[in-house]
Amino acid sequence: MRLLITGGAGCLGSNLVERYLPQGCEILVIDNFATSRREVFPELPGLMVVEGSIADRDLVKRNSIASDRLMSSTAQPPTRIRRTGTRTPRPMSLARSM
């Protein structure tokens, strides 16, 4: 099974990786590392880590085409960020658009 885990370098996401990687799953992590660090993951077969935001729909679409499942462990930001006025997609609306 191929998994896409958003927010995968955080506490919940890294536990999901630790659970599913030994089961033979191929895992793609997308994380902006705002509250975590890239060093959480060593180079491991079956694991690919992409730095970026789920707000970047092109990044998500490019990297999620081959995924069987989406597991979201991202923080739930407000739907509108006041400073920039940029909409941030919620995980479920992101999954529906894939």
C-alpha atoms as a PDB file:
ATOM      1  CA  MET A   1       0.000   0.000   0.000  1.00  0.00           C
ATOM      2  CA  ARG A   2       1.189   3.529  -0.770  1.00  0.00           C
ATOM      3  CA  LEU A   3       0.430   6.183   1.835  1.00  0.00           C
ATOM      4  CA  LEU A   4       0.571   9.973   1.727  1.00  0.00           C
ATOM      5  CA  ILE A   5       0.975  11.395   5.230  1.00  0.00           C
ATOM      6  CA  THR A   6       0.598  15.156   5.524  1.00  0.00           C
ATOM      7  CA  GLY A   7       2.264  16.652   8.577  1.00  0.00           C
ATOM      8  CA  GLY A   8       4.250  13.432   8.735  1.00  0.00           C
ATOM      9  CA  ALA A   9       7.223  14.814  10.654  1.00  0.00           C
ATOM     10  CA  GLY A  10       5.140  15.827  13.672  1.00  0.00           C
ATOM     11  CA  CYS A  11       4.313  13.684  16.674  1.00  0.00           C
ATOM     12  CA  LEU A  12       1.309  11.842  15.211  1.00  0.00           C
ATOM     13  CA  GLY A  13       2.673  11.652  11.674  1.00  0.00           C
ATOM     14  CA  SER A  14       6.038  10.213  12.692  1.00  0.00           C
ATOM     15  CA  ASN A  15       4.226   7.538  14.718  1.00  0.00           C
ATOM     16  CA  LEU A  16       2.184   6.637  11.631  1.00  0.00           C
ATOM     17  CA  VAL A  17       5.418   6.290   9.655  1.00  0.00           C
ATOM     18  CA  GLU A  18       6.931   4.088  12.389  1.00  0.00           C
ATOM     19  CA  ARG A  19       3.845   1.877  12.323  1.00  0.00           C
ATOM     20  CA  TYR A  20       3.329   1.430   8.586  1.00  0.00           C
ATOM     21  CA  LEU A  21       6.876   1.458   7.149  1.00  0.00           C
ATOM     22  CA  PRO A  22       7.869  -1.894   8.753  1.00  0.00           C
ATOM     23  CA  GLN A  23       4.672  -3.399   7.295  1.00  0.00           C
ATOM     24  CA  GLY A  24       6.072  -2.802   3.810  1.00  0.00           C
ATOM     25  CA  CYS A  25       4.090   0.320   2.963  1.00  0.00           C
ATOM     26  CA  GLU A  26       5.629   2.930   0.692  1.00  0.00           C
ATOM     27  CA  ILE A  27       5.229   6.282   2.409  1.00  0.00           C
ATOM     28  CA  LEU A  28       5.349   9.840   1.123  1.00  0.00           C
ATOM     29  CA  VAL A  29       5.496  12.537   3.802  1.00  0.00           C
ATOM     30  CA  ILE A  30       4.640  16.154   3.017  1.00  0.00           C
ATOM     31  CA  ASP A  31       5.517  18.541   5.835  1.00  0.00           C
ATOM     32  CA  ASN A  32       6.446  22.207   6.053  1.00  0.00           C
ATOM     33  CA  PHE A  33       8.561  21.564   9.185  1.00  0.00           C
ATOM     34  CA  ALA A  34       7.011  24.541  10.959  1.00  0.00           C
ATOM     35  CA  THR A  35       6.802  22.606  14.236  1.00  0.00           C
ATOM     36  CA  SER A  36       9.139  19.703  13.468  1.00  0.00           C
ATOM     37  CA  ARG A  37      12.538  18.972  11.959  1.00  0.00           C
ATOM     38  CA  ARG A  38      13.678  17.198   8.798  1.00  0.00           C
ATOM     39  CA  GLU A  39      16.132  15.181  10.881  1.00  0.00           C
ATOM     40  CA  VAL A  40      13.202  13.195  12.330  1.00  0.00           C
ATOM     41  CA  PHE A  41      13.563  10.830   9.356  1.00  0.00           C
ATOM     42  CA  PRO A  42      16.786   9.153   8.330  1.00  0.00           C
ATOM     43  CA  GLU A  43      17.111   7.920   4.749  1.00  0.00           C
ATOM     44  CA  LEU A  44      15.004   4.742   4.683  1.00  0.00           C
ATOM     45  CA  PRO A  45      13.868   2.515   1.824  1.00  0.00           C
ATOM     46  CA  GLY A  46      10.193   3.068   1.099  1.00  0.00           C
ATOM     47  CA  LEU A  47      10.131   6.554   2.644  1.00  0.00           C
ATOM     48  CA  MET A  48      10.155   9.809   0.686  1.00  0.00           C
ATOM     49  CA  VAL A  49       9.983  13.173   2.453  1.00  0.00           C
ATOM     50  CA  VAL A  50       8.938  16.342   0.614  1.00  0.00           C
ATOM     51  CA  GLU A  51       9.221  19.748   2.237  1.00  0.00           C
ATOM     52  CA  GLY A  52       6.192  21.863   1.441  1.00  0.00           C
ATOM     53  CA  SER A  53       2.726  22.925   2.444  1.00  0.00           C
ATOM     54  CA  ILE A  54      -0.606  21.254   1.780  1.00  0.00           C
ATOM     55  CA  ALA A  55      -1.753  24.736   0.764  1.00  0.00           C
ATOM     56  CA  ASP A  56       0.323  24.220  -2.390  1.00  0.00           C
ATOM     57  CA  ARG A  57      -2.208  22.187  -4.394  1.00  0.00           C
ATOM     58  CA  ASP A  58       0.216  21.619  -7.293  1.00  0.00           C
ATOM     59  CA  LEU A  59       2.806  20.134  -4.919  1.00  0.00           C
ATOM     60  CA  VAL A  60       0.191  17.847  -3.382  1.00  0.00           C
ATOM     61  CA  LYS A  61      -1.207  16.732  -6.743  1.00  0.00           C
ATOM     62  CA  ARG A  62       2.269  16.067  -8.167  1.00  0.00           C
ATOM     63  CA  ASN A  63       3.200  13.943  -5.189  1.00  0.00           C
ATOM     64  CA  SER A  64      -0.070  12.165  -4.467  1.00  0.00           C
ATOM     65  CA  ILE A  65      -0.966  10.655  -7.811  1.00  0.00           C
ATOM     66  CA  ALA A  66       0.358   7.202  -6.889  1.00  0.00           C
ATOM     67  CA  SER A  67      -0.977   7.165  -3.298  1.00  0.00           C
ATOM     68  CA  ASP A  68      -3.636   4.687  -2.212  1.00  0.00           C
ATOM     69  CA  ARG A  69      -4.464   6.455   1.074  1.00  0.00           C
ATOM     70  CA  LEU A  70      -4.201   9.937   2.574  1.00  0.00           C
ATOM     71  CA  MET A  71      -3.511  10.225   6.290  1.00  0.00           C
ATOM     72  CA  SER A  72      -3.601  13.764   7.581  1.00  0.00           C
ATOM     73  CA  SER A  73      -1.781  14.630  10.774  1.00  0.00           C
ATOM     74  CA  THR A  74      -1.536  18.347  10.042  1.00  0.00           C
ATOM     75  CA  ALA A  75      -2.569  21.038  12.464  1.00  0.00           C
ATOM     76  CA  GLN A  76      -5.960  22.518  11.639  1.00  0.00           C
ATOM     77  CA  PRO A  77      -5.238  26.133  10.711  1.00  0.00           C
ATOM     78  CA  PRO A  78      -7.976  28.721  10.284  1.00  0.00           C
ATOM     79  CA  THR A  79      -9.494  28.560   6.813  1.00  0.00           C
ATOM     80  CA  ARG A  80      -8.331  32.066   6.086  1.00  0.00           C
ATOM     81  CA  ILE A  81      -4.986  33.468   7.091  1.00  0.00           C
ATOM     82  CA  ARG A  82      -5.515  37.150   7.765  1.00  0.00           C
ATOM     83  CA  ARG A  83      -2.014  38.412   7.054  1.00  0.00           C
ATOM     84  CA  THR A  84      -1.868  37.122   3.473  1.00  0.00           C
ATOM     85  CA  GLY A  85      -5.510  36.360   2.771  1.00  0.00           C
ATOM     86  CA  THR A  86      -4.413  32.929   1.474  1.00  0.00           C
ATOM     87  CA  ARG A  87      -6.867  30.068   1.852  1.00  0.00           C
ATOM     88  CA  THR A  88      -5.442  26.941   3.420  1.00  0.00           C
ATOM     89  CA  PRO A  89      -7.277  23.758   2.450  1.00  0.00           C
ATOM     90  CA  ARG A  90      -8.623  21.475   5.139  1.00  0.00           C
ATOM     91  CA  PRO A  91      -7.435  17.865   4.873  1.00  0.00           C
ATOM     92  CA  MET A  92     -10.835  16.484   3.803  1.00  0.00           C
ATOM     93  CA  SER A  93     -11.274  19.027   1.026  1.00  0.00           C
ATOM     94  CA  LEU A  94      -7.718  18.248  -0.041  1.00  0.00           C
ATOM     95  CA  ALA A  95      -8.524  14.529  -0.211  1.00  0.00           C
ATOM     96  CA  ARG A  96     -11.668  15.171  -2.261  1.00  0.00           C
ATOM     97  CA  SER A  97      -9.669  17.157  -4.812  1.00  0.00           C
ATOM     98  CA  MET A  98      -7.172  14.351  -5.411  1.00  0.00           C
END
